[in-house]
Protein backbone atom coordinates (compact mmCIF):
# COMPACT_ATOMS: atom_id res chain seq x y z
CA MET A 1 -1.14 -49.09 -4.06
CA ALA A 2 -2.29 -45.66 -2.89
CA LEU A 3 -5.89 -44.73 -3.40
CA ARG A 4 -6.53 -41.33 -4.90
CA ARG A 5 -9.52 -39.41 -3.73
CA PRO A 6 -11.69 -38.52 -6.72
CA TRP A 7 -11.74 -34.80 -7.55
CA ARG A 8 -14.93 -33.12 -6.51
CA ARG A 9 -15.95 -29.61 -7.40
CA THR A 10 -16.47 -27.46 -4.35
CA HIS A 11 -18.10 -24.07 -3.95
CA LEU A 12 -15.81 -21.09 -3.53
CA GLY A 13 -16.54 -19.08 -0.42
CA SER A 14 -19.49 -18.90 1.92
CA GLU A 15 -22.98 -17.82 1.05
CA ALA A 16 -22.10 -14.36 2.42
CA ASP A 17 -19.11 -14.23 0.06
CA ARG A 18 -21.26 -15.16 -2.90
CA ALA A 19 -23.90 -12.59 -1.93
CA THR A 20 -21.21 -9.92 -1.74
CA PHE A 21 -19.92 -10.91 -5.15
CA ARG A 22 -23.41 -10.77 -6.65
CA THR A 23 -23.98 -7.30 -5.16
CA LEU A 24 -20.68 -5.95 -6.47
CA HIS A 25 -21.29 -7.50 -9.87
CA THR A 26 -24.74 -5.96 -10.13
CA ALA A 27 -23.38 -2.56 -9.08
CA SER A 28 -20.67 -2.82 -11.74
CA LEU A 29 -23.37 -3.39 -14.37
CA ALA A 30 -25.19 -0.19 -13.38
CA SER A 31 -22.07 1.94 -12.99
CA PRO A 32 -21.11 2.61 -16.67
CA ALA A 33 -24.48 4.17 -17.46
CA LEU A 34 -24.55 6.31 -14.32
CA ARG A 35 -21.03 7.57 -15.06
CA GLU A 36 -22.56 9.28 -18.10
CA GLY A 37 -24.72 11.50 -15.88
CA LEU A 38 -28.40 11.56 -14.95
CA THR A 39 -30.29 11.34 -18.24
CA VAL A 40 -33.20 9.37 -19.62
CA GLU A 41 -30.84 7.03 -21.44
CA SER A 42 -28.54 6.40 -18.47
CA ALA A 43 -31.52 5.90 -16.15
CA GLU A 44 -33.13 3.37 -18.48
CA ARG A 45 -29.86 1.45 -18.82
CA SER A 46 -29.14 1.32 -15.09
CA ILE A 47 -32.51 1.04 -13.38
CA ARG A 48 -32.98 -2.70 -13.90
CA HIS A 49 -29.70 -3.34 -12.10
CA LEU A 50 -30.67 -0.95 -9.30
CA ARG A 51 -33.89 -2.89 -8.76
CA THR A 52 -31.88 -6.12 -8.65
CA LEU A 53 -29.67 -4.57 -5.97
CA LEU A 54 -32.69 -3.63 -3.87
CA GLY A 55 -34.81 -6.72 -4.58
CA THR A 56 -38.07 -4.77 -4.66
CA PRO A 57 -41.14 -4.92 -6.94
CA ALA A 58 -40.44 -1.51 -8.53
CA VAL A 59 -37.86 1.27 -8.69
CA ALA A 60 -37.97 4.73 -10.28
CA LEU A 61 -35.38 7.42 -10.99
CA THR A 62 -36.21 11.11 -11.36
CA ASP A 63 -34.28 14.18 -12.46
CA GLY A 64 -35.80 16.77 -10.17
CA ASP A 65 -39.50 15.96 -10.38
CA ARG A 66 -39.28 14.50 -13.92
CA LEU A 67 -39.58 10.73 -14.24
CA LEU A 68 -36.59 9.35 -16.14
CA ALA A 69 -37.19 5.61 -15.83
CA TRP A 70 -39.36 3.05 -14.06
CA ASP A 71 -38.65 -0.65 -13.72
CA GLY A 72 -40.99 -3.25 -12.30
CA ALA A 73 -44.66 -3.59 -11.53
CA GLY A 74 -47.23 -0.82 -11.42
CA SER A 75 -45.81 1.54 -14.04
CA GLY A 76 -49.21 2.04 -15.64
CA HIS A 77 -50.89 3.46 -12.56
CA HIS A 78 -48.09 4.57 -10.21
CA ALA A 79 -45.51 6.19 -12.51
CA ALA A 80 -47.55 9.40 -12.67
CA GLN A 81 -47.20 9.83 -8.89
CA THR A 82 -43.40 9.98 -8.97
CA ALA A 83 -43.29 13.72 -9.70
CA GLU A 84 -45.28 14.61 -6.58
CA LEU A 85 -43.21 12.25 -4.44
CA ALA A 86 -39.97 13.70 -5.81
CA THR A 87 -41.08 17.30 -5.21
CA ALA A 88 -42.02 16.60 -1.58
CA THR A 89 -38.74 14.77 -0.95
CA LEU A 90 -36.54 17.43 -2.53
CA GLU A 91 -38.32 20.17 -0.60
CA ARG A 92 -37.59 18.34 2.65
CA GLY A 93 -34.05 17.48 1.62
CA GLY A 94 -34.09 14.03 3.21
CA THR A 95 -35.39 10.50 2.75
CA ARG A 96 -39.14 10.15 2.88
CA LEU A 97 -41.24 7.09 3.75
CA VAL A 98 -44.31 6.70 1.56
CA ASP A 99 -47.32 4.99 3.20
CA PRO A 100 -50.42 3.60 1.49
CA ASP A 101 -52.25 6.90 1.93
CA ASP A 102 -49.74 8.50 -0.44
CA LEU A 103 -50.14 5.81 -3.12
CA THR A 104 -53.62 5.61 -4.53
CA CYS A 105 -54.22 2.28 -6.25
CA ALA A 106 -57.48 0.66 -7.25
CA GLN A 107 -55.94 -2.70 -8.15
CA PRO A 108 -56.26 -5.14 -5.23
CA ASP A 109 -53.43 -7.39 -6.43
CA CYS A 110 -50.88 -4.59 -6.95
CA PRO A 111 -47.65 -5.31 -4.99
CA ILE A 112 -46.96 -1.61 -4.55
CA ARG A 113 -48.50 -0.28 -1.34
CA ALA A 114 -45.66 1.75 0.16
CA GLY A 115 -42.20 3.03 -0.65
CA VAL A 116 -39.08 5.00 0.16
CA VAL A 117 -37.93 8.10 -1.72
CA SER A 118 -34.25 9.05 -1.26
CA PRO A 119 -32.65 12.20 -2.70
CA LEU A 120 -29.74 12.06 -5.14
CA VAL A 121 -27.07 14.61 -4.26
CA ILE A 122 -24.14 15.98 -6.30
CA GLU A 123 -21.81 18.30 -4.39
CA GLU A 124 -24.56 19.23 -1.94
CA ARG A 125 -27.04 19.89 -4.76
CA LEU A 126 -30.28 17.90 -4.83
CA VAL A 127 -30.56 16.69 -8.42
CA GLY A 128 -33.18 13.93 -8.34
CA THR A 129 -34.57 10.97 -6.44
CA LEU A 130 -34.37 7.22 -6.19
CA GLN A 131 -37.84 5.84 -5.48
CA VAL A 132 -38.20 2.29 -4.18
CA PHE A 133 -41.63 0.61 -3.96
CA GLY A 134 -42.97 -2.54 -2.34
CA PRO A 135 -45.73 -3.87 -0.11
CA TYR A 136 -44.25 -2.26 3.03
CA ALA A 137 -41.98 0.67 3.87
CA THR A 138 -39.75 -0.89 6.50
CA ALA A 139 -36.71 0.50 8.27
CA SER A 140 -34.48 -2.01 6.47
CA LEU A 141 -35.88 -0.92 3.09
CA ALA A 142 -35.21 2.73 4.02
CA ARG A 143 -31.59 1.90 4.92
CA ALA A 144 -31.13 -0.05 1.70
CA ALA A 145 -32.66 2.76 -0.40
CA ASP A 146 -30.41 5.32 1.30
CA GLU A 147 -27.29 3.24 0.68
CA VAL A 148 -28.09 2.71 -2.98
CA ALA A 149 -29.03 6.39 -3.42
CA HIS A 150 -25.72 7.38 -1.83
CA TRP A 151 -23.85 5.05 -4.22
CA VAL A 152 -25.78 6.39 -7.24
CA SER A 153 -24.97 9.94 -6.12
CA GLY A 154 -21.29 8.99 -6.00
CA GLN A 155 -21.41 7.70 -9.57
CA LEU A 156 -23.15 10.88 -10.71
CA GLU A 157 -20.49 13.00 -8.99
CA LEU A 158 -17.81 11.06 -10.87
CA ALA A 159 -19.74 11.71 -14.09
CA GLU A 160 -19.74 15.43 -13.35
CA LEU A 161 -16.02 15.36 -12.60
CA ASP A 162 -15.42 13.59 -15.91
CA ALA A 163 -17.47 16.23 -17.71
CA SER A 164 -15.58 19.04 -15.94
CA ARG A 165 -12.29 17.41 -16.89
CA ARG A 166 -13.35 17.22 -20.54
CA ARG A 167 -14.42 20.87 -20.51
CA LEU A 168 -11.12 21.85 -18.93
CA MET A 169 -9.10 19.92 -21.50
CA GLU A 170 -11.12 21.46 -24.34
CA ALA A 171 -10.50 24.92 -22.88
CA GLU A 172 -6.78 24.16 -22.59
CA VAL A 173 -6.62 23.10 -26.24
CA ARG A 174 -8.45 26.29 -27.28
CA ALA A 175 -5.99 28.34 -25.25
CA LEU A 176 -3.08 26.51 -26.83
CA ARG A 177 -4.40 27.15 -30.34
CA ALA A 178 -4.77 30.84 -29.53
CA GLN A 179 -1.22 30.94 -28.21
CA ILE A 180 0.41 29.11 -31.10
CA SER A 181 -1.49 30.36 -34.14
CA PRO A 182 -0.38 34.04 -34.19
CA HIS A 183 3.29 33.01 -34.15
CA PHE A 184 2.98 30.39 -36.83
CA ILE A 185 0.31 31.48 -39.31
CA TYR A 186 1.81 34.89 -40.02
CA ASN A 187 5.31 33.49 -40.59
CA SER A 188 4.07 30.58 -42.72
CA LEU A 189 2.05 32.77 -45.05
CA GLY A 190 5.00 35.11 -45.39
CA ALA A 191 7.30 32.20 -46.33
CA ILE A 192 4.78 30.87 -48.87
CA ALA A 193 4.37 34.33 -50.41
CA SER A 194 8.13 34.57 -50.93
CA PHE A 195 7.99 31.58 -53.32
CA VAL A 196 4.94 32.62 -55.34
CA ARG A 197 7.00 34.22 -58.10
CA THR A 198 10.37 32.47 -57.78
CA ASP A 199 9.10 28.90 -57.30
CA PRO A 200 5.30 28.67 -57.78
CA GLU A 201 5.27 24.84 -57.61
CA ARG A 202 6.89 24.91 -54.19
CA ALA A 203 4.54 27.67 -53.09
CA ARG A 204 1.60 25.48 -54.13
CA ASP A 205 2.97 22.47 -52.21
CA LEU A 206 3.63 24.57 -49.12
CA LEU A 207 0.13 26.03 -49.28
CA LEU A 208 -1.34 22.50 -49.32
CA GLU A 209 0.84 21.55 -46.33
CA PHE A 210 -0.32 24.70 -44.55
CA ALA A 211 -3.97 23.84 -45.25
CA ASP A 212 -3.52 20.29 -43.91
CA PHE A 213 -1.70 21.56 -40.83
CA THR A 214 -4.36 24.11 -39.94
CA ARG A 215 -7.18 21.63 -40.65
CA TYR A 216 -5.64 19.21 -38.15
CA SER A 217 -4.75 21.86 -35.56
CA PHE A 218 -8.19 23.47 -35.54
CA ARG A 219 -10.36 20.37 -35.68
CA LYS A 220 -13.22 20.56 -33.21
CA HIS A 221 -13.53 17.05 -31.83
CA GLY A 222 -11.39 14.60 -29.93
CA GLU A 223 -9.15 15.11 -26.91
CA PHE A 224 -6.76 12.47 -28.18
CA THR A 225 -5.13 11.38 -31.40
CA THR A 226 -2.51 8.85 -32.44
CA LEU A 227 1.20 9.50 -32.31
CA SER A 228 1.26 8.86 -36.06
CA GLU A 229 -1.18 11.72 -36.74
CA GLU A 230 0.56 14.03 -34.28
CA LEU A 231 3.95 13.40 -35.88
CA ARG A 232 2.53 13.95 -39.36
CA SER A 233 1.28 17.37 -38.23
CA VAL A 234 4.71 18.12 -36.73
CA GLU A 235 6.33 17.18 -40.05
CA ARG A 236 4.06 19.66 -41.86
CA TYR A 237 4.98 22.33 -39.35
CA LEU A 238 8.71 21.68 -39.85
CA LEU A 239 8.37 21.74 -43.65
CA LEU A 240 6.83 25.19 -43.39
CA GLU A 241 9.49 26.38 -40.96
CA GLN A 242 12.27 25.02 -43.19
CA ALA A 243 10.78 27.04 -46.06
CA ARG A 244 11.28 30.09 -43.86
CA PHE A 245 14.70 29.31 -42.37
CA GLY A 246 16.23 27.23 -45.17
CA ASP A 247 19.46 25.41 -44.26
CA ARG A 248 19.57 27.12 -40.88
CA LEU A 249 17.02 24.60 -39.58
CA ARG A 250 18.22 21.00 -39.58
CA VAL A 251 15.86 18.25 -38.43
CA ARG A 252 16.52 14.66 -37.46
CA LEU A 253 13.51 12.39 -36.94
CA SER A 254 13.77 8.87 -35.49
CA VAL A 255 10.56 6.94 -34.71
CA ALA A 256 10.03 3.28 -33.84
CA PRO A 257 7.14 1.97 -35.98
CA GLU A 258 5.74 0.05 -32.99
CA VAL A 259 4.74 3.25 -31.18
CA LEU A 260 2.91 4.97 -34.04
CA PRO A 261 -0.56 3.71 -32.90
CA THR A 262 -0.01 5.03 -29.35
CA THR A 263 -2.77 7.37 -28.17
CA VAL A 264 -1.52 10.82 -27.18
CA PRO A 265 -3.23 14.08 -26.16
CA PHE A 266 -4.13 16.22 -29.16
CA LEU A 267 -1.48 18.88 -29.91
CA CYS A 268 0.97 17.60 -27.29
CA LEU A 269 4.07 17.66 -29.53
CA GLN A 270 3.50 20.78 -31.62
CA PRO A 271 4.26 23.23 -28.75
CA LEU A 272 7.43 21.32 -27.81
CA VAL A 273 8.71 21.42 -31.39
CA GLU A 274 7.79 25.09 -31.80
CA ASN A 275 9.71 25.93 -28.64
CA ALA A 276 12.68 23.96 -29.96
CA VAL A 277 12.60 25.92 -33.23
CA ARG A 278 12.25 29.29 -31.49
CA HIS A 279 14.99 28.73 -28.94
CA GLY A 280 17.15 26.56 -31.17
CA LEU A 281 17.46 29.28 -33.81
CA SER A 282 17.17 32.38 -31.64
CA GLY A 283 20.20 34.67 -31.72
CA THR A 284 22.31 32.48 -33.99
CA GLN A 285 23.34 32.93 -37.63
CA GLN A 286 24.58 29.39 -38.21
CA GLY A 287 21.20 27.89 -37.37
CA GLY A 288 20.39 24.93 -35.20
CA ARG A 289 19.48 21.29 -35.08
CA ILE A 290 16.23 19.73 -33.85
CA ARG A 291 16.07 16.05 -32.93
CA ILE A 292 12.73 14.27 -32.48
CA SER A 293 12.64 10.63 -31.42
CA ALA A 294 9.98 8.17 -30.29
CA ALA A 295 11.13 4.87 -28.78
CA ASP A 296 9.35 1.71 -27.67
CA LEU A 297 10.10 0.90 -24.00
CA GLY A 298 7.80 -2.05 -23.34
CA GLN A 299 4.66 -0.67 -21.74
CA GLU A 300 5.60 2.92 -22.52
CA CYS A 301 6.44 5.14 -25.46
CA VAL A 302 9.20 7.68 -24.78
CA ILE A 303 9.30 10.80 -26.96
CA GLU A 304 12.15 13.30 -26.93
CA VAL A 305 12.34 16.73 -28.52
CA GLU A 306 15.83 18.22 -28.33
CA ASP A 307 17.53 21.32 -29.70
CA ASP A 308 21.13 22.54 -29.56
CA GLY A 309 20.17 26.18 -29.13
CA ILE A 310 20.60 28.82 -26.47
CA GLY A 311 19.00 26.84 -23.66
CA GLU A 312 16.89 28.29 -20.89
CA ASP A 313 17.01 29.23 -17.24
CA PRO A 314 15.68 26.18 -15.32
CA GLU A 315 13.73 28.44 -12.96
CA LYS A 316 11.98 30.01 -15.92
CA VAL A 317 11.05 26.55 -17.20
CA ARG A 318 9.74 25.63 -13.76
CA ARG A 319 7.45 28.68 -13.85
CA ALA A 320 6.31 27.75 -17.38
CA LEU A 321 5.37 24.25 -16.22
CA ALA A 322 3.48 25.84 -13.33
CA GLY A 323 1.42 27.82 -15.87
CA ASP A 324 3.08 31.20 -15.41
CA ASP A 325 1.65 33.38 -18.19
CA ALA A 326 4.72 35.62 -18.13
CA SER A 327 6.87 32.83 -19.59
CA ASP A 328 7.59 32.86 -23.33
CA SER A 329 7.76 29.05 -23.52
CA ILE A 330 4.80 28.19 -25.71
CA GLY A 331 2.30 25.84 -24.09
CA LEU A 332 4.70 23.92 -21.79
CA GLY A 333 2.39 24.21 -18.78
CA ASN A 334 -0.62 23.43 -20.97
CA VAL A 335 0.92 20.22 -22.36
CA ASP A 336 2.24 19.14 -18.95
CA SER A 337 -1.19 19.63 -17.37
CA ARG A 338 -3.00 17.66 -20.07
CA LEU A 339 -0.50 14.78 -19.87
CA ARG A 340 -0.95 14.55 -16.09
CA ASN A 341 -4.73 14.76 -16.35
CA ALA A 342 -4.81 11.98 -18.94
CA PHE A 343 -2.24 9.56 -17.55
CA GLY A 344 -1.40 10.59 -13.96
CA ASP A 345 1.32 12.64 -12.30
CA ASP A 346 4.04 10.16 -13.30
CA PHE A 347 3.67 11.20 -16.94
CA GLY A 348 4.33 14.95 -17.00
CA LEU A 349 7.05 16.68 -18.99
CA VAL A 350 10.70 16.35 -18.00
CA VAL A 351 12.78 19.32 -19.21
CA GLU A 352 16.58 19.33 -19.15
CA THR A 353 18.12 22.71 -19.97
CA ALA A 354 20.61 25.37 -18.97
CA PRO A 355 21.77 28.63 -20.55
CA GLY A 356 23.95 27.83 -23.56
CA ALA A 357 23.38 24.08 -23.28
CA GLY A 358 20.31 23.51 -25.45
CA THR A 359 17.06 21.92 -24.27
CA LYS A 360 15.71 18.39 -24.18
CA VAL A 361 12.06 17.67 -23.35
CA THR A 362 11.09 14.07 -22.57
CA VAL A 363 7.52 12.78 -22.73
CA ARG A 364 6.61 9.34 -21.35
CA ILE A 365 3.24 7.97 -22.43
CA PRO A 366 1.72 4.58 -21.57
CA LYS A 367 0.99 2.62 -24.72
CA PHE A 368 -2.28 1.43 -23.17
CA ALA A 369 -4.30 3.50 -20.69
CA SER A 370 -7.82 2.81 -19.42
CA GLY A 371 -10.42 5.20 -20.80
CA VAL A 372 -7.95 6.88 -23.17
CA HIS A 373 -8.47 6.32 -26.88
CA ALA A 374 -8.17 8.31 -30.09
């Protein structure tokens, strides 16, 4: 009979491995707050974790010479000195060791007798300081303070990049609204006016659809929405265009219910559909057909907007996707840019077209993307 060795729980990794894990875990706890920028709130939420990283009696964060947060001992009688320490450090532009002569303290049992003040830098701009305090200002403490300050600066740079990206996306949406609205609003109001006397009930319904469409299109918050809301806005747009074109505009809509909750960039379909209507009906008396579909492909949602109209020169489309203002393709470059910014370069627009062959635009969107939500 074979003897089985009893199972015994063992530790995973060496002490160095566990120390590395603890350091990375602590940094991950501080990171979300710092990625919001250097504010009082973010400093207060992150500073306890920064002190844990450094293992010192006290740590302070400043924005310029303004104290944002202090964690640890001595706040009652040392916090007021942070402004002077920050000013001297930022004027020098480098890390500064603080000796007991710089820290006046009448309490004999206070653990804060010295410190290190390291600048926080965003794109070569000095924006604040990390101040680390303890009984001694050693070379190892200076190296540790510099490393943590460098890491904090990196998180703040990412926060500024995120803010720049949001501002850019907001500007792109404003530009898109300005580009679309003159084409659409004038024509819609003209179509509604044509029914006021002949069919007032329809005119009323169309006016309500127009109000809902413009309310959605000109809302002032949110970079993203759901596919369900975006498609509902597209339906309103097509109802108004059908009032204008009548039987010349034929629409086929096919959407898998599973993809309706998918998060998409705000106003990412409207320009594609408007281009399809413009080019699908341009120069033809018999009208045209627009097909809109949204399919569930596992981890992705695939949306297609297709028309059987006059088509387009592929080189002209390439220039439109590159943001060439001379192109008359409404918002293609804008939508392509916002898709790539939100989901990565693998998720831009794919346009298939040729003169006389119609146009099909394909949009691939991940059903779940980190940091993207309506």
